[in-house]
Every structure is written in C-alpha cells, then in structure tokens.
N, C-alpha and C. Protein backbone atom coordinates (compact mmCIF):
# COMPACT_ATOMS: atom_id res chain seq x y z
N UNK A 1 -0.43 -1.50 4.30
CA UNK A 1 0.26 -2.62 3.52
C UNK A 1 0.52 -2.18 2.46
N UNK A 2 2.17 -2.35 2.06
CA UNK A 2 2.44 -2.01 1.02
C UNK A 2 3.57 -3.15 0.56
N UNK A 3 3.87 -3.62 -0.57
CA UNK A 3 4.38 -4.79 -1.12
C UNK A 3 4.93 -4.29 -2.43
N UNK A 4 6.35 -4.62 -2.25
CA UNK A 4 7.13 -3.98 -2.88
C UNK A 4 8.33 -4.70 -3.41
N UNK A 5 8.63 -5.33 -4.99
CA UNK A 5 9.69 -5.75 -5.26
C UNK A 5 10.35 -5.34 -6.34
N UNK A 6 11.59 -5.81 -6.44
CA UNK A 6 12.39 -5.58 -8.02
C UNK A 6 11.74 -5.43 -9.20
N UNK A 7 12.19 -4.72 -10.27
CA UNK A 7 11.74 -4.97 -11.77
C UNK A 7 12.71 -4.40 -12.54
N UNK A 8 12.28 -4.86 -13.87
CA UNK A 8 12.81 -4.40 -15.18
C UNK A 8 12.15 -3.22 -15.86
N UNK A 9 12.55 -2.17 -16.39
CA UNK A 9 11.73 -1.38 -16.97
C UNK A 9 11.59 -1.65 -18.49
N UNK A 10 10.74 -0.43 -19.03
CA UNK A 10 10.27 -0.41 -20.31
C UNK A 10 8.87 -0.66 -20.70
N UNK A 11 8.41 -0.67 -21.93
CA UNK A 11 6.79 -1.18 -21.94
C UNK A 11 6.11 0.22 -21.87
N UNK A 12 4.99 -0.12 -22.13
CA UNK A 12 4.10 1.02 -22.13
C UNK A 12 3.28 0.93 -20.59
N UNK A 13 2.81 2.28 -20.27
CA UNK A 13 1.92 2.55 -18.93
C UNK A 13 0.69 1.55 -18.78
N UNK A 14 0.66 0.83 -17.73
CA UNK A 14 -0.53 0.01 -17.51
C UNK A 14 -0.83 0.19 -16.14
N UNK A 15 -2.07 -0.13 -15.69
CA UNK A 15 -2.64 -0.48 -13.86
C UNK A 15 -3.11 -2.13 -13.78
N UNK A 16 -2.85 -2.24 -12.37
CA UNK A 16 -3.36 -3.60 -12.04
C UNK A 16 -3.91 -3.11 -10.72
N UNK A 17 -5.32 -3.99 -10.60
CA UNK A 17 -5.71 -3.53 -9.24
C UNK A 17 -5.87 -4.81 -8.35
N UNK A 18 -5.57 -5.10 -7.09
CA UNK A 18 -5.82 -6.38 -5.85
C UNK A 18 -6.44 -5.63 -4.91
N UNK A 19 -7.26 -6.98 -4.64
CA UNK A 19 -8.28 -6.73 -3.44
C UNK A 19 -8.25 -8.02 -2.39
N UNK A 20 -8.11 -7.69 -1.38
CA UNK A 20 -8.44 -8.44 -0.04
C UNK A 20 -9.08 -7.81 1.02
N UNK A 21 -10.15 -8.93 1.44
CA UNK A 21 -11.26 -8.88 2.33
C UNK A 21 -10.74 -9.79 3.52
N UNK A 22 -10.00 -9.08 4.56
CA UNK A 22 -9.71 -10.01 5.81
C UNK A 22 -9.87 -9.41 7.24
N UNK A 23 -10.17 -9.82 8.21
CA UNK A 23 -10.34 -9.06 9.62
C UNK A 23 -10.96 -8.22 9.34
N UNK A 24 -12.05 -7.71 8.98
CA UNK A 24 -12.79 -6.62 9.13
C UNK A 24 -12.04 -5.37 8.00
N UNK A 25 -11.05 -5.50 7.27
CA UNK A 25 -10.60 -4.75 6.51
C UNK A 25 -10.41 -4.84 4.85
N UNK A 26 -10.92 -4.11 3.81
CA UNK A 26 -10.69 -4.55 2.88
C UNK A 26 -9.87 -3.37 2.32
N UNK A 27 -8.86 -4.14 1.66
CA UNK A 27 -7.61 -3.63 0.91
C UNK A 27 -7.85 -3.35 -0.50
N UNK A 28 -7.63 -2.56 -0.84
CA UNK A 28 -7.42 -2.48 -2.40
C UNK A 28 -6.14 -1.63 -3.07
N UNK A 29 -5.25 -2.40 -3.44
CA UNK A 29 -3.92 -1.78 -4.20
C UNK A 29 -3.94 -1.84 -5.53
N UNK A 30 -3.57 -0.50 -5.98
CA UNK A 30 -3.57 -0.58 -7.49
C UNK A 30 -1.96 -0.07 -8.13
N UNK A 31 -1.46 -0.69 -8.76
CA UNK A 31 -0.21 -0.77 -9.18
C UNK A 31 -0.45 0.26 -10.55
N UNK A 32 0.42 1.23 -10.81
CA UNK A 32 0.80 1.88 -12.28
C UNK A 32 2.13 0.97 -12.44
N UNK A 33 2.24 0.77 -14.06
CA UNK A 33 3.93 0.31 -14.28
C UNK A 33 3.75 0.64 -15.85
N UNK A 34 5.38 1.04 -15.96
CA UNK A 34 5.51 1.07 -17.35
C UNK A 34 6.34 -0.48 -17.59
N UNK A 35 6.00 -1.34 -18.49
CA UNK A 35 6.11 -2.55 -18.47
C UNK A 35 6.44 -3.29 -16.98
N UNK A 36 7.23 -3.72 -16.79
CA UNK A 36 7.29 -4.66 -15.28
C UNK A 36 7.66 -3.60 -14.26
N UNK A 37 7.94 -2.50 -14.62
CA UNK A 37 8.69 -1.32 -13.39
C UNK A 37 7.26 -0.58 -13.08
N UNK A 38 7.00 -0.73 -11.20
CA UNK A 38 6.19 -0.06 -10.96
C UNK A 38 6.47 1.38 -11.01
N UNK A 39 5.84 2.50 -11.08
CA UNK A 39 6.16 3.75 -10.97
C UNK A 39 4.83 4.64 -9.80
N UNK A 40 4.01 4.01 -9.52
CA UNK A 40 3.21 4.45 -8.98
C UNK A 40 1.92 3.20 -7.91
N UNK A 41 1.90 3.25 -6.60
CA UNK A 41 1.16 2.67 -6.21
C UNK A 41 0.26 3.33 -5.39
N UNK A 42 -1.05 2.99 -5.21
CA UNK A 42 -2.37 3.55 -4.40
C UNK A 42 -2.78 2.20 -3.31
N UNK A 43 -3.06 2.36 -2.39
CA UNK A 43 -3.83 1.26 -1.08
C UNK A 43 -4.48 1.91 -0.60
N UNK A 44 -5.90 1.40 -0.64
CA UNK A 44 -6.87 1.86 0.15
C UNK A 44 -7.18 0.66 1.28
N UNK A 45 -7.29 1.28 2.43
CA UNK A 45 -7.70 0.15 3.78
C UNK A 45 -9.13 0.91 4.22
N UNK A 46 -10.03 -0.23 4.17
CA UNK A 46 -11.26 0.35 4.84
C UNK A 46 -11.41 -0.28 6.15
N UNK A 47 -11.06 0.05 7.10
CA UNK A 47 -11.31 -0.98 8.72
C UNK A 47 -12.71 -0.50 8.79
N UNK A 48 -13.38 -1.49 8.92
CA UNK A 48 -15.10 -1.71 9.61
C UNK A 48 -14.70 -1.91 11.24
N UNK A 49 -14.84 -0.76 12.11
CA UNK A 49 -14.53 -1.28 13.28
C UNK A 49 -15.13 -2.53 13.83
N UNK A 50 -16.68 -2.60 13.87
CA UNK A 50 -17.08 -3.97 14.44
C UNK A 50 -16.16 -4.97 14.03
N UNK A 51 -15.93 -5.22 12.61
CA UNK A 51 -15.39 -6.62 12.37
C UNK A 51 -13.93 -6.28 12.55
N UNK A 52 -13.48 -5.54 12.91
CA UNK A 52 -11.49 -5.75 13.58
C UNK A 52 -11.96 -5.42 14.64
N UNK A 53 -12.42 -5.55 15.35
CA UNK A 53 -12.47 -5.59 16.87
C UNK A 53 -12.37 -4.57 17.68
N UNK A 54 -12.76 -2.99 16.92
CA UNK A 54 -12.60 -2.03 17.38
C UNK A 54 -14.21 -1.56 17.66
N UNK A 55 -13.84 -1.20 19.13
CA UNK A 55 -15.34 -0.67 19.67
C UNK A 55 -15.83 0.73 19.19
N UNK A 56 -14.96 1.79 18.97
CA UNK A 56 -15.48 2.78 18.54
C UNK A 56 -14.76 3.88 17.60
N UNK A 57 -15.31 4.92 16.94
CA UNK A 57 -14.22 5.87 16.30
C UNK A 57 -13.04 6.46 16.98
N UNK A 58 -13.40 6.82 18.39
CA UNK A 58 -12.42 7.01 19.56
C UNK A 58 -10.94 6.36 19.46
N UNK A 59 -11.59 4.66 19.94
CA UNK A 59 -10.58 3.66 20.32
C UNK A 59 -9.89 3.92 18.85
N UNK A 60 -10.78 3.33 17.58
CA UNK A 60 -9.67 3.68 16.22
C UNK A 60 -8.63 4.61 15.88
N UNK A 61 -9.06 5.87 16.75
CA UNK A 61 -8.14 6.99 16.68
C UNK A 61 -6.97 6.52 17.56
N UNK A 62 -7.15 6.00 18.60
CA UNK A 62 -6.07 5.93 19.60
C UNK A 62 -4.93 4.67 19.10
N UNK A 63 -5.46 3.78 18.34
CA UNK A 63 -4.97 2.88 17.88
C UNK A 63 -3.84 3.14 16.48
N UNK A 64 -4.41 4.25 15.55
CA UNK A 64 -4.01 4.16 14.32
C UNK A 64 -2.96 5.41 14.25
N UNK A 65 -3.74 6.42 15.31
CA UNK A 65 -2.93 7.78 15.13
C UNK A 65 -1.82 7.58 15.19
N UNK A 66 -1.17 6.85 16.26
CA UNK A 66 0.61 7.07 16.42
C UNK A 66 1.16 6.48 15.02
N UNK A 67 0.60 5.86 14.04
CA UNK A 67 1.36 5.15 12.90
C UNK A 67 1.03 6.54 11.74
N UNK A 68 0.14 7.13 11.71
CA UNK A 68 0.22 8.51 10.73
C UNK A 68 1.38 9.35 10.44
N UNK A 69 1.89 9.79 11.59
CA UNK A 69 3.27 10.76 11.68
C UNK A 69 3.98 10.04 10.91
N UNK A 70 4.28 8.86 11.14
CA UNK A 70 5.21 7.96 10.25
C UNK A 70 5.63 8.39 8.78
N UNK A 71 4.18 8.59 8.33
CA UNK A 71 4.29 8.51 6.40
C UNK A 71 4.05 10.17 6.27
N UNK A 72 3.92 11.04 7.05
CA UNK A 72 4.39 12.40 6.91
C UNK A 72 5.68 12.90 6.46
N UNK A 73 5.47 14.25 5.82
CA UNK A 73 6.75 14.60 5.12
C UNK A 73 7.56 13.47 4.33
N UNK A 74 7.20 12.53 3.51
CA UNK A 74 8.32 11.82 2.85
C UNK A 74 7.92 12.67 1.50
N UNK A 75 8.99 12.82 0.66
CA UNK A 75 8.63 13.14 -0.77
C UNK A 75 8.21 12.15 -1.59
N UNK A 76 7.01 12.36 -2.58
CA UNK A 76 6.46 11.02 -3.10
C UNK A 76 5.52 10.20 -2.02
N UNK A 77 5.29 10.43 -0.93
CA UNK A 77 4.33 9.57 -0.44
C UNK A 77 3.41 10.67 0.01
N UNK A 78 1.67 9.87 -0.02
CA UNK A 78 1.06 10.79 0.24
C UNK A 78 0.07 9.84 1.30
N UNK A 79 -0.21 10.49 2.59
CA UNK A 79 -1.11 9.49 3.24
C UNK A 79 -2.07 9.90 3.63
N UNK A 80 -3.31 9.59 4.13
CA UNK A 80 -4.28 9.97 4.85
C UNK A 80 -5.31 9.23 5.48
N UNK A 81 -5.76 9.34 6.76
CA UNK A 81 -6.63 8.59 7.58
C UNK A 81 -7.59 9.09 8.17
N UNK A 82 -8.89 8.64 7.35
CA UNK A 82 -9.93 9.48 7.92
C UNK A 82 -10.91 8.59 8.83
N UNK A 83 -11.46 9.12 9.97
CA UNK A 83 -12.52 8.43 10.85
C UNK A 83 -13.89 8.50 10.51
N UNK A 84 -14.52 7.73 10.20
CA UNK A 84 -16.01 7.82 9.97
C UNK A 84 -16.69 7.15 11.40
N UNK A 85 -17.96 7.13 11.99
CA UNK A 85 -18.43 6.39 12.40
C UNK A 85 -18.38 4.90 12.82
N UNK A 86 -18.84 4.21 11.61
CA UNK A 86 -18.47 2.89 11.54
C UNK A 86 -16.99 2.38 11.01
N UNK A 87 -16.33 3.16 10.67
CA UNK A 87 -15.25 2.78 9.54
C UNK A 87 -13.76 3.56 9.66
N UNK A 88 -12.59 3.36 9.44
CA UNK A 88 -11.86 4.40 8.86
C UNK A 88 -11.20 3.98 7.45
N UNK A 89 -11.21 5.11 6.84
CA UNK A 89 -10.47 4.76 5.61
C UNK A 89 -8.87 5.46 5.38
N UNK A 90 -7.99 4.60 5.23
CA UNK A 90 -6.65 4.62 5.30
C UNK A 90 -6.34 4.98 3.47
N UNK A 91 -5.75 5.97 3.34
CA UNK A 91 -5.10 6.21 1.57
C UNK A 91 -3.85 6.46 1.94
N UNK A 92 -3.00 5.83 0.82
CA UNK A 92 -1.64 6.01 0.76
C UNK A 92 -1.19 5.64 -0.78
N UNK A 93 -0.41 6.63 -1.09
CA UNK A 93 0.08 6.63 -2.56
C UNK A 93 1.82 7.06 -2.46
N UNK A 94 2.14 5.95 -3.39
CA UNK A 94 3.43 6.27 -3.20
C UNK A 94 4.01 6.21 -4.73
N UNK A 95 4.88 7.40 -5.08
CA UNK A 95 5.18 7.60 -6.44
C UNK A 95 6.53 7.32 -6.59
N UNK A 96 7.09 6.25 -7.65
CA UNK A 96 8.50 5.69 -7.09
C UNK A 96 9.33 6.25 -7.94
N UNK A 97 8.52 7.35 -9.17
CA UNK A 97 9.84 8.16 -9.69
C UNK A 97 10.38 9.37 -8.90
N UNK A 98 9.61 9.20 -7.35
CA UNK A 98 10.21 10.55 -6.69
C UNK A 98 10.75 10.15 -5.57
N UNK A 99 10.33 9.18 -4.86
CA UNK A 99 10.11 8.67 -3.38
C UNK A 99 11.50 8.01 -3.56
N UNK A 100 12.45 8.34 -1.99
CA UNK A 100 13.75 7.44 -1.99
C UNK A 100 13.61 6.25 -0.89
N UNK A 101 13.87 5.18 -1.47
CA UNK A 101 13.32 3.88 -1.01
C UNK A 101 13.85 3.96 0.64
N UNK A 102 15.10 4.45 1.00
CA UNK A 102 15.62 4.34 1.73
C UNK A 102 14.97 4.73 3.08
N UNK A 103 13.74 6.07 2.40
CA UNK A 103 13.13 6.80 3.38
C UNK A 103 11.54 5.88 3.62
N UNK A 104 11.41 5.03 3.21
CA UNK A 104 10.38 4.15 3.56
C UNK A 104 10.32 3.04 3.59
N UNK A 105 11.75 2.39 3.73
CA UNK A 105 11.73 0.97 4.17
C UNK A 105 11.19 0.76 5.44
N UNK A 106 11.29 1.25 6.19
CA UNK A 106 11.11 0.88 7.43
C UNK A 106 9.71 1.23 8.17
N UNK A 107 9.02 2.00 6.88
CA UNK A 107 7.55 2.32 7.66
C UNK A 107 6.86 0.86 7.67
N UNK A 108 5.79 1.23 8.38
CA UNK A 108 5.03 -0.29 8.72
C UNK A 108 4.06 -0.84 7.16
N UNK A 109 4.22 -1.96 6.88
CA UNK A 109 3.50 -2.83 5.67
C UNK A 109 4.38 -2.69 4.47
N UNK A 110 5.60 -2.32 4.82
CA UNK A 110 6.53 -2.19 3.76
C UNK A 110 7.75 -3.25 3.51
N UNK A 111 8.01 -4.07 2.68
CA UNK A 111 8.63 -5.21 2.27
C UNK A 111 9.24 -4.72 0.92
N UNK A 112 10.58 -5.03 0.90
CA UNK A 112 11.12 -4.70 -0.55
C UNK A 112 12.15 -6.18 -0.59
N UNK A 113 12.53 -6.44 -1.56
CA UNK A 113 13.08 -7.47 -2.30
C UNK A 113 14.53 -7.21 -2.03
N UNK A 114 15.83 -7.90 -2.54
CA UNK A 114 17.50 -7.40 -3.19
C UNK A 114 16.94 -6.80 -4.33
N UNK A 115 17.69 -5.55 -4.51
CA UNK A 115 17.59 -4.76 -5.59
C UNK A 115 16.67 -3.99 -5.93
N UNK A 116 15.44 -3.83 -5.24
CA UNK A 116 14.46 -2.74 -5.10
C UNK A 116 15.08 -0.95 -5.32
N UNK A 117 16.38 -1.03 -4.80
CA UNK A 117 16.82 0.35 -4.43
C UNK A 117 17.44 0.65 -5.81
N UNK A 118 17.93 -0.23 -6.37
CA UNK A 118 18.90 0.00 -7.95
C UNK A 118 18.00 -0.12 -8.96
N UNK A 119 16.97 -1.42 -9.02
CA UNK A 119 16.43 -1.72 -9.82
C UNK A 119 14.82 -1.30 -10.34
N UNK A 120 14.53 -0.86 -8.86
CA UNK A 120 13.00 -0.29 -8.91
C UNK A 120 11.79 -1.83 -8.46
N UNK A 121 10.58 -1.64 -8.55
CA UNK A 121 9.42 -2.31 -7.99
C UNK A 121 9.27 -3.07 -9.51
N UNK A 122 9.31 -4.49 -8.83
CA UNK A 122 8.75 -5.41 -9.92
C UNK A 122 6.83 -5.59 -10.28
N UNK A 123 6.32 -5.10 -10.71
CA UNK A 123 4.84 -5.38 -10.89
C UNK A 123 4.66 -7.30 -11.11
N UNK A 124 5.24 -7.76 -11.58
CA UNK A 124 5.31 -9.15 -11.87
C UNK A 124 5.56 -10.15 -10.19
N UNK A 125 6.48 -9.40 -9.70
CA UNK A 125 7.01 -10.46 -8.36
C UNK A 125 6.14 -9.55 -7.49
N UNK A 126 5.61 -8.12 -7.61
CA UNK A 126 4.53 -7.94 -6.58
C UNK A 126 3.21 -8.62 -6.82
N UNK A 127 2.89 -8.94 -7.85
CA UNK A 127 1.77 -9.69 -8.15
C UNK A 127 1.96 -11.12 -7.60
N UNK A 128 2.80 -11.44 -7.83
CA UNK A 128 2.90 -13.04 -6.92
C UNK A 128 2.54 -12.90 -5.36
N UNK A 129 3.58 -12.01 -4.94
CA UNK A 129 3.32 -11.81 -3.47
C UNK A 129 1.85 -11.62 -2.90
N UNK A 130 1.56 -10.76 -3.97
CA UNK A 130 0.08 -10.52 -3.50
C UNK A 130 -0.43 -11.54 -3.65
N UNK A 131 -0.83 -12.45 -4.51
CA UNK A 131 -1.66 -13.46 -4.53
C UNK A 131 -1.61 -14.62 -3.77
N UNK A 132 0.02 -14.71 -3.14
CA UNK A 132 0.38 -15.57 -2.00
C UNK A 132 -0.29 -15.29 -0.85
N UNK A 133 -0.33 -13.99 -0.82
CA UNK A 133 -1.07 -13.45 0.57
C UNK A 133 -2.61 -13.11 0.60
N UNK A 134 -3.50 -13.76 -0.78
CA UNK A 134 -4.60 -14.02 -0.60
C UNK A 134 -5.32 -12.97 -1.14
N UNK A 135 -4.50 -11.74 -2.02
CA UNK A 135 -5.13 -11.16 -2.82
C UNK A 135 -5.36 -11.41 -4.12
N UNK A 136 -6.58 -11.11 -4.84
CA UNK A 136 -7.06 -11.50 -5.88
C UNK A 136 -7.26 -10.37 -7.09
N UNK A 137 -6.64 -10.43 -8.42
CA UNK A 137 -6.81 -9.12 -9.05
C UNK A 137 -7.98 -8.86 -9.46
N UNK A 138 -8.81 -7.53 -9.52
CA UNK A 138 -10.17 -7.51 -10.05
C UNK A 138 -9.70 -6.38 -11.34
N UNK A 139 -11.01 -6.52 -11.93
CA UNK A 139 -10.85 -5.80 -13.20
C UNK A 139 -11.09 -4.11 -13.08
C-alpha cells in the first residue's frame, strides 16, 4: 500500500512514521521529506497468515507472488517479499528523486493526486489521507 499526493518543496529533511494494524496486516510507512516534498517512502507490511485468513506459507506464496514481479526493474523502487512459517514480510522503498511516477502509478496500492508528476508528493496531504484511513503517527 502506498499513498502519494502533491507537494511544495523546501525546508530541511525530516521523517514521519505511520502505522495501521488491520485484518492481520501491520503496515508501517516511513516518509522522508524536505519541507513538504516527500523524497523517499518506505512501507513494510507484516502479514500474519492466520489473522489474514491465509492457511499456509505456500498459500501465501500463491496469492502474493504474482504481485512481486510488477515491482521489479523500476529505477528508484526496491521491493522484497519474504515468507516465514507464520507470516510474510513485504518491504517497498521508493526514491522519489529517482523514480518516474509514470512507471509506478498503475502498481497495486499506488494512489496519486493531480499534480504529483509535476509538483512531487506532499507530506501534509499524504498524512491527511493516511489518518483518514486509520493510520496513526508513531514516534
């Protein structure tokens, strides 16, 4: 899951972290920004098989593997999915100073507002959207 909106640039670099625990998936999103312009976003999803209604590691692989290939070979994007006995851990990192938004806007979980391609990703607008979806900021 990735949430991306337009931004204004400027200011010093900062980070904000948000979490949501829903339906057996703990999602942690970390935004790095210069002023209001997001420069990097990392997302980690920890998917507990039993809580998510997945019966086994093998079933998780069948369900999730088709998604993995969509995130490969895109400049500025690093995606990894590891399967353990009781959970899967997905990590996604996007470097907005490298990535071409046209290359990622059709990927699962990606959402962009008008102007994101030209103006960048707004930390403030991303935070508003995440909180409206139930995410909480964590220190």
